[in-house]
Amino acid sequence: MQLDRSYFKQPTFLSNILAWMRDPTLLPQIRITVVGDEDDEEIFGFVGDDSLTGAGGSDTIWGWRGDDILRGGGGR
């Protein structure tokens, strides 16, 4: 899975990051692993950002490129 750097500059993504920084309880966190290359570059986003998952909601998701599977689940 490759994300263009412009993804991280989208207004929705940035406003979600700022809201989460002000109050981390706003967005329940879930752990995922992410399909990608073998780099250990962390990628992250929010459920609801179609370019990342295509799913609705506002949970924080993150993972590592090189992991074999893309899954989410569970709350904090």
N, C-alpha and C. Protein backbone atom coordinates (compact mmCIF):
# COMPACT_ATOMS: atom_id res chain seq x y z
N MET A 1 0.85 -1.18 0.00
CA MET A 1 0.00 0.00 0.00
C MET A 1 0.89 1.23 0.00
N GLN A 2 0.68 2.10 -0.94
CA GLN A 2 1.48 3.32 -1.02
C GLN A 2 0.57 4.52 -0.81
N LEU A 3 1.00 5.44 0.01
CA LEU A 3 0.25 6.67 0.21
C LEU A 3 1.08 7.83 -0.31
N ASP A 4 0.46 8.64 -1.15
CA ASP A 4 1.11 9.84 -1.62
C ASP A 4 1.24 10.83 -0.47
N ARG A 5 2.33 11.59 -0.45
CA ARG A 5 2.51 12.55 0.64
C ARG A 5 1.37 13.56 0.72
N SER A 6 0.69 13.82 -0.39
CA SER A 6 -0.42 14.78 -0.36
C SER A 6 -1.56 14.29 0.53
N TYR A 7 -1.64 12.97 0.74
CA TYR A 7 -2.67 12.42 1.64
C TYR A 7 -2.58 13.07 3.02
N PHE A 8 -1.35 13.26 3.50
CA PHE A 8 -1.15 13.79 4.84
C PHE A 8 -1.41 15.29 4.93
N LYS A 9 -1.63 15.93 3.78
CA LYS A 9 -1.90 17.37 3.76
C LYS A 9 -3.38 17.67 3.56
N GLN A 10 -4.20 16.64 3.46
CA GLN A 10 -5.63 16.85 3.27
C GLN A 10 -6.22 17.53 4.50
N PRO A 11 -7.15 18.50 4.30
CA PRO A 11 -7.74 19.21 5.43
C PRO A 11 -8.38 18.29 6.47
N THR A 12 -9.09 17.25 6.03
CA THR A 12 -9.74 16.34 6.98
C THR A 12 -8.70 15.62 7.83
N PHE A 13 -7.65 15.16 7.20
CA PHE A 13 -6.61 14.44 7.93
C PHE A 13 -5.97 15.36 8.97
N LEU A 14 -5.63 16.58 8.55
CA LEU A 14 -4.97 17.51 9.47
C LEU A 14 -5.88 17.92 10.61
N SER A 15 -7.15 18.16 10.33
CA SER A 15 -8.07 18.55 11.41
C SER A 15 -8.28 17.40 12.38
N ASN A 16 -8.30 16.16 11.88
CA ASN A 16 -8.41 15.01 12.78
C ASN A 16 -7.18 14.90 13.68
N ILE A 17 -6.00 15.12 13.11
CA ILE A 17 -4.77 15.07 13.91
C ILE A 17 -4.81 16.14 15.00
N LEU A 18 -5.21 17.37 14.62
CA LEU A 18 -5.25 18.46 15.60
C LEU A 18 -6.27 18.19 16.70
N ALA A 19 -7.43 17.66 16.32
CA ALA A 19 -8.46 17.34 17.32
C ALA A 19 -7.96 16.25 18.26
N TRP A 20 -7.29 15.26 17.70
CA TRP A 20 -6.78 14.16 18.53
C TRP A 20 -5.68 14.65 19.47
N MET A 21 -4.85 15.60 19.01
CA MET A 21 -3.79 16.13 19.86
C MET A 21 -4.37 16.90 21.04
N ARG A 22 -5.49 17.60 20.80
CA ARG A 22 -6.14 18.35 21.88
C ARG A 22 -6.80 17.42 22.88
N ASP A 23 -7.41 16.34 22.38
CA ASP A 23 -8.12 15.41 23.27
C ASP A 23 -8.04 14.00 22.69
N PRO A 24 -7.06 13.21 23.12
CA PRO A 24 -6.86 11.86 22.57
C PRO A 24 -8.06 10.93 22.76
N THR A 25 -8.96 11.24 23.68
CA THR A 25 -10.12 10.37 23.90
C THR A 25 -11.17 10.54 22.81
N LEU A 26 -11.04 11.55 21.97
CA LEU A 26 -12.04 11.78 20.92
C LEU A 26 -12.07 10.64 19.90
N LEU A 27 -10.93 10.07 19.63
CA LEU A 27 -10.83 9.08 18.56
C LEU A 27 -10.29 7.77 19.12
N PRO A 28 -11.16 6.78 19.33
CA PRO A 28 -10.70 5.49 19.85
C PRO A 28 -9.65 4.89 18.91
N GLN A 29 -8.59 4.38 19.46
CA GLN A 29 -7.51 3.84 18.64
C GLN A 29 -7.68 2.35 18.42
N ILE A 30 -7.37 1.91 17.20
CA ILE A 30 -7.35 0.49 16.88
C ILE A 30 -6.02 0.17 16.22
N ARG A 31 -5.58 -1.04 16.33
CA ARG A 31 -4.30 -1.46 15.74
C ARG A 31 -4.58 -2.20 14.44
N ILE A 32 -3.84 -1.86 13.41
CA ILE A 32 -3.93 -2.61 12.16
C ILE A 32 -2.53 -2.92 11.68
N THR A 33 -2.45 -3.83 10.73
CA THR A 33 -1.22 -3.98 9.96
C THR A 33 -1.54 -3.61 8.52
N VAL A 34 -0.56 -3.16 7.81
CA VAL A 34 -0.79 -2.55 6.51
C VAL A 34 0.00 -3.25 5.43
N VAL A 35 -0.68 -3.56 4.33
CA VAL A 35 -0.01 -4.15 3.17
C VAL A 35 0.92 -3.11 2.56
N GLY A 36 2.13 -3.50 2.24
CA GLY A 36 3.05 -2.55 1.63
C GLY A 36 4.39 -3.17 1.33
N ASP A 37 5.38 -2.31 1.14
CA ASP A 37 6.72 -2.79 0.84
C ASP A 37 7.43 -3.16 2.14
N GLU A 38 8.71 -3.45 2.04
CA GLU A 38 9.44 -3.95 3.21
C GLU A 38 10.08 -2.85 4.05
N ASP A 39 9.82 -1.58 3.73
CA ASP A 39 10.36 -0.50 4.55
C ASP A 39 9.69 -0.50 5.91
N ASP A 40 10.39 -0.04 6.92
CA ASP A 40 9.79 0.12 8.24
C ASP A 40 9.30 1.55 8.41
N GLU A 41 8.56 2.03 7.43
CA GLU A 41 8.05 3.39 7.49
C GLU A 41 6.63 3.34 8.03
N GLU A 42 6.38 4.03 9.11
CA GLU A 42 5.05 4.01 9.71
C GLU A 42 4.10 4.84 8.87
N ILE A 43 2.91 4.31 8.64
CA ILE A 43 1.86 5.08 7.98
C ILE A 43 0.64 5.05 8.87
N PHE A 44 -0.16 6.08 8.81
CA PHE A 44 -1.32 6.15 9.69
C PHE A 44 -2.37 7.05 9.07
N GLY A 45 -3.57 6.98 9.56
CA GLY A 45 -4.66 7.80 9.07
C GLY A 45 -5.87 7.59 9.94
N PHE A 46 -7.02 7.95 9.42
CA PHE A 46 -8.25 7.80 10.16
C PHE A 46 -9.24 6.98 9.35
N VAL A 47 -9.94 6.07 10.02
CA VAL A 47 -11.01 5.34 9.35
C VAL A 47 -11.99 6.40 8.85
N GLY A 48 -12.39 6.30 7.59
CA GLY A 48 -13.23 7.32 7.00
C GLY A 48 -12.49 8.05 5.89
N ASP A 49 -11.15 7.99 5.91
CA ASP A 49 -10.36 8.52 4.82
C ASP A 49 -10.34 7.45 3.73
N ASP A 50 -11.09 7.70 2.64
CA ASP A 50 -11.27 6.67 1.62
C ASP A 50 -9.95 6.20 1.01
N SER A 51 -8.97 7.08 0.94
CA SER A 51 -7.71 6.69 0.30
C SER A 51 -6.95 5.67 1.15
N LEU A 52 -7.33 5.53 2.44
CA LEU A 52 -6.63 4.57 3.29
C LEU A 52 -7.42 3.28 3.47
N THR A 53 -8.71 3.38 3.79
CA THR A 53 -9.47 2.16 4.09
C THR A 53 -10.82 2.06 3.40
N GLY A 54 -11.42 3.19 3.04
CA GLY A 54 -12.75 3.17 2.46
C GLY A 54 -13.84 2.89 3.47
N ALA A 55 -13.54 2.94 4.76
CA ALA A 55 -14.53 2.62 5.79
C ALA A 55 -14.99 3.89 6.49
N GLY A 56 -16.17 3.83 7.08
CA GLY A 56 -16.70 4.98 7.81
C GLY A 56 -16.26 4.97 9.26
N GLY A 57 -16.44 6.07 9.93
CA GLY A 57 -16.09 6.18 11.34
C GLY A 57 -14.95 7.16 11.54
N SER A 58 -14.46 7.24 12.75
CA SER A 58 -13.40 8.20 13.02
C SER A 58 -12.33 7.62 13.94
N ASP A 59 -12.12 6.31 13.89
CA ASP A 59 -11.07 5.70 14.71
C ASP A 59 -9.70 5.96 14.09
N THR A 60 -8.73 6.18 14.92
CA THR A 60 -7.35 6.28 14.46
C THR A 60 -6.87 4.89 14.05
N ILE A 61 -6.20 4.81 12.91
CA ILE A 61 -5.61 3.54 12.52
C ILE A 61 -4.16 3.77 12.15
N TRP A 62 -3.34 2.77 12.34
CA TRP A 62 -1.94 2.88 11.97
C TRP A 62 -1.34 1.50 11.79
N GLY A 63 -0.19 1.44 11.17
CA GLY A 63 0.46 0.16 10.93
C GLY A 63 1.84 0.38 10.35
N TRP A 64 2.43 -0.69 9.87
CA TRP A 64 3.78 -0.63 9.31
C TRP A 64 3.76 -1.20 7.91
N ARG A 65 4.42 -0.51 6.99
CA ARG A 65 4.59 -1.07 5.66
C ARG A 65 5.41 -2.33 5.80
N GLY A 66 5.05 -3.34 5.03
CA GLY A 66 5.77 -4.60 5.11
C GLY A 66 4.95 -5.65 5.85
N ASP A 67 3.96 -5.22 6.61
CA ASP A 67 3.07 -6.18 7.25
C ASP A 67 2.21 -6.83 6.17
N ASP A 68 1.81 -8.08 6.41
CA ASP A 68 1.19 -8.85 5.33
C ASP A 68 -0.30 -8.64 5.16
N ILE A 69 -0.95 -8.02 6.10
CA ILE A 69 -2.41 -8.01 6.06
C ILE A 69 -2.94 -6.68 6.57
N LEU A 70 -4.07 -6.27 6.05
CA LEU A 70 -4.70 -5.02 6.49
C LEU A 70 -5.96 -5.36 7.27
N ARG A 71 -5.95 -5.07 8.55
CA ARG A 71 -7.09 -5.38 9.41
C ARG A 71 -7.24 -4.31 10.47
N GLY A 72 -8.46 -4.13 10.89
CA GLY A 72 -8.71 -3.26 12.04
C GLY A 72 -9.63 -4.00 12.98
N GLY A 73 -9.71 -3.52 14.17
CA GLY A 73 -10.65 -4.15 15.10
C GLY A 73 -10.40 -3.74 16.52
N GLY A 74 -11.45 -3.76 17.29
CA GLY A 74 -11.31 -3.48 18.71
C GLY A 74 -11.09 -2.02 18.99
N GLY A 75 -11.46 -1.61 20.15
CA GLY A 75 -11.20 -0.25 20.59
C GLY A 75 -9.96 -0.23 21.46
N ARG A 76 -9.81 0.84 22.17
CA ARG A 76 -8.67 1.01 23.05
C ARG A 76 -8.69 0.00 24.17
